């Protein structure tokens, strides 16, 4: 019985020694103890948009609430008819919201006292037009402005293949990171080994139109807002928007 206990202890001791040796070897060979290089790579590709989404703000003012609402409805109908001439379907013309509120202006009365002067009822409505033929964008926008629209809230350019372009940008970003690592290590007479860590950075897409642009990340809307000049000439050239898809990555390589 005593011999069995001694044999058991000897085996356990041998296992512990073997485990310690294996763990020591593991930590010696661990990438944490090997020289590494960490680099980042970025890539940007330009995409021709498939669709253009125009968000318009319509405001009408009248001392009569009914008259203000009718005028707003007339503008909605006029813009909708204009959009349809350019092939926009009924389903692609939507109104977001309608608000009606009294509007006042601070003035002095005949006695020199400041009072809130009632200007009328202000009716606001937002109209969204989804244009699937971007070649007609310039003409459509010019025609819409000629109808007397109050404000262009937003112009967005989109593509139905954004996922594909993001993957392309990501692949180019990784390639850029590899090339950067190879050039840096060549300067010190070493070579790039296998990658031990990859982290994707922030990615976004950017839309350009006219004199302004907007950044977007997944789920975000435009934030640009533009007022329409009443002297706008319909034949003024307007540059078609483009989508810029950007990706970035950080990669760690072992050095050989």
Protein backbone atom coordinates (compact mmCIF):
# COMPACT_ATOMS: atom_id res chain seq x y z
CA UNK A 1 0.00 0.00 0.00
CA UNK A 2 2.82 2.34 0.86
CA UNK A 3 4.53 1.43 -2.41
CA UNK A 4 1.38 2.36 -4.33
CA UNK A 5 1.23 5.76 -2.68
CA UNK A 6 4.87 6.39 -3.52
CA UNK A 7 4.30 5.38 -7.15
CA UNK A 8 1.25 7.67 -7.36
CA UNK A 9 3.24 10.60 -5.96
CA UNK A 10 6.07 9.93 -8.38
CA UNK A 11 3.69 9.91 -11.35
CA UNK A 12 1.99 13.14 -10.19
CA UNK A 13 5.37 14.76 -9.72
CA UNK A 14 6.44 13.73 -13.20
CA UNK A 15 3.19 15.10 -14.69
CA UNK A 16 3.64 18.38 -12.86
CA UNK A 17 7.22 18.69 -14.06
CA UNK A 18 6.13 17.88 -17.62
CA UNK A 19 3.28 20.41 -17.43
CA UNK A 20 5.61 23.09 -16.11
CA UNK A 21 8.05 22.42 -18.94
CA UNK A 22 5.26 22.59 -21.54
CA UNK A 23 3.90 25.85 -20.11
CA UNK A 24 7.37 27.36 -20.01
CA UNK A 25 7.93 26.39 -23.64
CA UNK A 26 4.50 27.83 -24.53
CA UNK A 27 5.27 31.20 -22.95
CA UNK A 28 8.71 31.26 -24.57
CA UNK A 29 7.13 30.67 -28.00
CA UNK A 30 4.13 32.88 -27.38
CA UNK A 31 3.71 35.77 -29.88
CA UNK A 32 3.56 38.10 -26.87
CA UNK A 33 7.28 37.54 -26.37
CA UNK A 34 8.17 37.88 -30.03
CA UNK A 35 8.82 41.17 -31.83
CA UNK A 36 5.82 42.47 -33.71
CA UNK A 37 4.88 45.40 -35.89
CA UNK A 38 1.48 47.08 -35.80
CA UNK A 39 0.28 49.08 -38.80
CA UNK A 40 -2.93 50.59 -40.09
CA UNK A 41 -4.33 50.66 -43.58
CA UNK A 42 -7.01 52.83 -45.15
CA UNK A 43 -8.77 52.73 -48.48
CA UNK A 44 -11.39 54.84 -50.24
CA UNK A 45 -13.38 54.06 -53.35
CA UNK A 46 -15.72 56.33 -55.31
CA UNK A 47 -19.09 54.93 -56.31
CA UNK A 48 -21.62 56.11 -58.87
CA UNK A 49 -24.99 56.32 -57.05
CA UNK A 50 -28.04 54.30 -58.07
CA UNK A 51 -30.61 56.56 -56.42
CA UNK A 52 -31.06 60.14 -55.29
CA UNK A 53 -33.35 61.01 -52.39
CA UNK A 54 -34.52 64.62 -52.19
CA UNK A 55 -36.13 65.86 -48.98
CA UNK A 56 -38.09 69.09 -49.34
CA UNK A 57 -39.61 71.47 -46.81
CA UNK A 58 -42.89 73.21 -47.74
CA UNK A 59 -44.13 76.15 -45.70
CA UNK A 60 -47.24 78.26 -46.31
CA UNK A 61 -48.56 81.15 -44.25
CA UNK A 62 -52.02 82.74 -44.18
CA UNK A 63 -54.26 84.37 -41.62
CA UNK A 64 -56.76 81.66 -42.51
CA UNK A 65 -55.72 78.19 -41.44
CA UNK A 66 -57.84 76.66 -44.20
CA UNK A 67 -56.23 78.85 -46.85
CA UNK A 68 -52.73 78.04 -45.60
CA UNK A 69 -53.49 74.32 -45.70
CA UNK A 70 -54.96 74.53 -49.22
CA UNK A 71 -51.91 76.37 -50.51
CA UNK A 72 -49.65 73.74 -48.96
CA UNK A 73 -51.70 70.99 -50.60
CA UNK A 74 -51.43 72.79 -53.93
CA UNK A 75 -47.63 72.88 -53.66
CA UNK A 76 -47.52 69.18 -52.78
CA UNK A 77 -49.63 68.38 -55.83
CA UNK A 78 -47.52 70.59 -58.12
CA UNK A 79 -44.24 69.00 -56.98
CA UNK A 80 -45.71 65.49 -57.21
CA UNK A 81 -46.82 66.10 -60.81
CA UNK A 82 -43.38 67.45 -61.65
CA UNK A 83 -41.67 64.39 -60.15
CA UNK A 84 -43.93 62.03 -62.07
CA UNK A 85 -42.89 63.68 -65.34
CA UNK A 86 -39.40 62.41 -64.62
CA UNK A 87 -40.55 58.85 -64.00
CA UNK A 88 -40.94 58.95 -60.22
CA UNK A 89 -43.65 56.54 -59.05
CA UNK A 90 -46.40 57.40 -56.57
CA UNK A 91 -44.86 55.01 -54.02
CA UNK A 92 -41.59 56.99 -54.20
CA UNK A 93 -43.26 60.29 -53.26
CA UNK A 94 -43.98 60.45 -49.54
CA UNK A 95 -44.93 63.13 -47.01
CA UNK A 96 -43.23 62.78 -43.62
CA UNK A 97 -45.24 65.03 -41.33
CA UNK A 98 -47.63 67.98 -41.17
CA UNK A 99 -47.58 70.74 -38.55
CA UNK A 100 -49.83 73.77 -38.19
CA UNK A 101 -48.93 76.51 -35.73
CA UNK A 102 -49.60 80.23 -35.28
CA UNK A 103 -46.77 82.56 -36.20
CA UNK A 104 -46.09 85.86 -34.45
CA UNK A 105 -43.68 88.73 -34.92
CA UNK A 106 -42.49 91.12 -32.22
CA UNK A 107 -43.53 94.67 -33.17
CA UNK A 108 -44.18 98.06 -31.58
CA UNK A 109 -47.72 99.37 -31.62
CA UNK A 110 -48.75 102.99 -32.07
CA UNK A 111 -48.01 103.62 -28.41
CA UNK A 112 -44.44 102.35 -28.71
CA UNK A 113 -45.13 99.18 -26.75
CA UNK A 114 -43.78 95.87 -28.05
CA UNK A 115 -46.45 93.29 -28.74
CA UNK A 116 -46.67 89.93 -30.48
CA UNK A 117 -48.27 90.64 -33.83
CA UNK A 118 -50.15 87.71 -35.36
CA UNK A 119 -48.88 86.96 -38.87
CA UNK A 120 -50.99 83.92 -39.61
CA UNK A 121 -51.09 80.17 -39.45
CA UNK A 122 -47.87 78.51 -40.59
CA UNK A 123 -48.35 75.11 -42.24
CA UNK A 124 -45.23 72.96 -42.60
CA UNK A 125 -44.87 69.70 -44.44
CA UNK A 126 -41.91 67.58 -45.49
CA UNK A 127 -41.91 65.78 -48.84
CA UNK A 128 -39.46 63.01 -49.78
CA UNK A 129 -38.82 62.03 -53.40
CA UNK A 130 -36.89 58.87 -54.25
CA UNK A 131 -35.42 59.10 -57.77
CA UNK A 132 -34.16 55.79 -59.18
CA UNK A 133 -32.83 57.28 -62.42
CA UNK A 134 -30.00 59.57 -61.29
CA UNK A 135 -29.41 60.79 -64.85
CA UNK A 136 -32.57 62.90 -64.42
CA UNK A 137 -31.51 64.40 -61.10
CA UNK A 138 -30.35 67.82 -62.32
CA UNK A 139 -33.45 68.47 -64.40
CA UNK A 140 -35.78 67.23 -61.68
CA UNK A 141 -34.21 69.41 -58.99
CA UNK A 142 -34.34 72.49 -61.22
CA UNK A 143 -38.01 71.85 -62.03
CA UNK A 144 -38.85 71.34 -58.34
CA UNK A 145 -37.26 74.64 -57.38
CA UNK A 146 -39.29 76.41 -60.07
CA UNK A 147 -42.49 75.26 -58.36
CA UNK A 148 -41.65 77.54 -55.42
CA UNK A 149 -40.52 74.98 -52.84
CA UNK A 150 -39.58 76.65 -49.55
CA UNK A 151 -36.50 74.64 -48.63
CA UNK A 152 -34.27 71.78 -49.73
CA UNK A 153 -33.67 69.99 -46.44
CA UNK A 154 -31.52 67.19 -47.76
CA UNK A 155 -30.09 65.64 -50.92
CA UNK A 156 -28.79 62.10 -50.49
CA UNK A 157 -27.15 59.77 -52.97
CA UNK A 158 -27.36 56.05 -52.37
CA UNK A 159 -26.36 52.73 -53.89
CA UNK A 160 -28.10 49.38 -53.61
CA UNK A 161 -24.69 47.65 -53.57
CA UNK A 162 -23.15 49.41 -50.56
CA UNK A 163 -22.22 46.11 -48.85
CA UNK A 164 -20.22 45.01 -51.89
CA UNK A 165 -18.34 48.31 -52.01
CA UNK A 166 -17.62 48.20 -48.28
CA UNK A 167 -16.07 44.76 -48.71
CA UNK A 168 -13.95 46.04 -51.59
CA UNK A 169 -12.76 49.00 -49.53
CA UNK A 170 -11.97 46.71 -46.58
CA UNK A 171 -9.90 44.38 -48.79
CA UNK A 172 -7.96 47.34 -50.17
CA UNK A 173 -7.36 48.61 -46.62
CA UNK A 174 -5.86 45.26 -45.59
CA UNK A 175 -3.68 45.24 -48.69
CA UNK A 176 -2.47 48.74 -47.82
CA UNK A 177 -1.61 47.59 -44.29
CA UNK A 178 0.41 44.62 -45.59
CA UNK A 179 2.34 46.83 -48.03
CA UNK A 180 3.09 49.35 -45.30
CA UNK A 181 4.37 46.62 -42.96
CA UNK A 182 6.60 45.14 -45.68
CA UNK A 183 8.16 48.51 -46.50
CA UNK A 184 8.79 49.36 -42.86
CA UNK A 185 10.40 46.03 -42.01
CA UNK A 186 12.53 46.10 -45.16
CA UNK A 187 14.16 49.27 -43.85
CA UNK A 188 15.48 47.38 -40.80
CA UNK A 189 16.42 44.23 -42.67
CA UNK A 190 13.59 42.05 -41.44
CA UNK A 191 10.55 40.38 -42.94
CA UNK A 192 6.88 40.29 -42.08
CA UNK A 193 5.62 37.08 -40.53
CA UNK A 194 2.09 35.88 -39.95
CA UNK A 195 -0.60 38.21 -38.69
CA UNK A 196 -1.42 37.85 -35.00
CA UNK A 197 -4.18 40.42 -34.76
CA UNK A 198 -6.60 42.27 -37.04
CA UNK A 199 -8.98 45.00 -35.94
CA UNK A 200 -11.37 46.85 -38.20
CA UNK A 201 -11.55 50.58 -37.66
CA UNK A 202 -14.45 52.93 -38.28
CA UNK A 203 -16.04 52.78 -41.70
CA UNK A 204 -18.36 55.31 -43.25
CA UNK A 205 -19.64 56.52 -46.55
CA UNK A 206 -19.76 60.08 -47.71
CA UNK A 207 -22.04 61.74 -50.23
CA UNK A 208 -21.08 64.80 -52.26
CA UNK A 209 -23.44 67.21 -53.95
CA UNK A 210 -23.02 70.78 -55.12
CA UNK A 211 -21.17 72.78 -52.50
CA UNK A 212 -21.74 70.59 -49.48
CA UNK A 213 -21.23 67.04 -48.33
CA UNK A 214 -22.35 64.75 -45.53
CA UNK A 215 -20.80 61.92 -43.54
CA UNK A 216 -22.89 58.87 -42.75
CA UNK A 217 -22.42 55.79 -40.70
CA UNK A 218 -24.89 52.89 -40.69
CA UNK A 219 -28.27 54.12 -39.48
CA UNK A 220 -27.45 57.81 -39.73
CA UNK A 221 -29.37 60.38 -41.76
CA UNK A 222 -28.17 63.52 -43.46
CA UNK A 223 -27.80 66.64 -41.36
CA UNK A 224 -27.23 69.20 -44.12
CA UNK A 225 -29.84 71.87 -44.72
CA UNK A 226 -29.98 74.34 -47.60
CA UNK A 227 -32.31 77.27 -48.19
CA UNK A 228 -33.44 77.92 -51.74
CA UNK A 229 -32.50 81.22 -53.36
CA UNK A 230 -35.58 82.86 -54.84
CA UNK A 231 -33.46 84.04 -57.78
CA UNK A 232 -32.27 80.52 -58.63
CA UNK A 233 -32.03 80.03 -62.37
CA UNK A 234 -33.20 76.67 -63.68
CA UNK A 235 -30.31 76.36 -66.13
CA UNK A 236 -27.66 76.65 -63.40
CA UNK A 237 -25.41 73.56 -63.68
CA UNK A 238 -25.58 71.16 -60.77
CA UNK A 239 -22.87 68.53 -60.21
CA UNK A 240 -24.15 65.00 -59.74
CA UNK A 241 -23.29 63.55 -56.37
CA UNK A 242 -20.87 60.71 -55.71
CA UNK A 243 -20.53 58.26 -52.88
CA UNK A 244 -17.16 57.76 -51.21
CA UNK A 245 -16.85 54.50 -49.26
CA UNK A 246 -13.99 54.41 -46.74
CA UNK A 247 -12.62 51.55 -44.62
CA UNK A 248 -9.70 51.25 -42.19
CA UNK A 249 -7.99 48.32 -40.44
CA UNK A 250 -5.23 47.80 -37.88
CA UNK A 251 -3.05 44.70 -38.25
CA UNK A 252 -0.26 43.26 -36.06
CA UNK A 253 2.41 41.04 -37.67
CA UNK A 254 5.22 38.94 -36.24
CA UNK A 255 8.71 39.95 -37.31
CA UNK A 256 11.02 37.35 -38.80
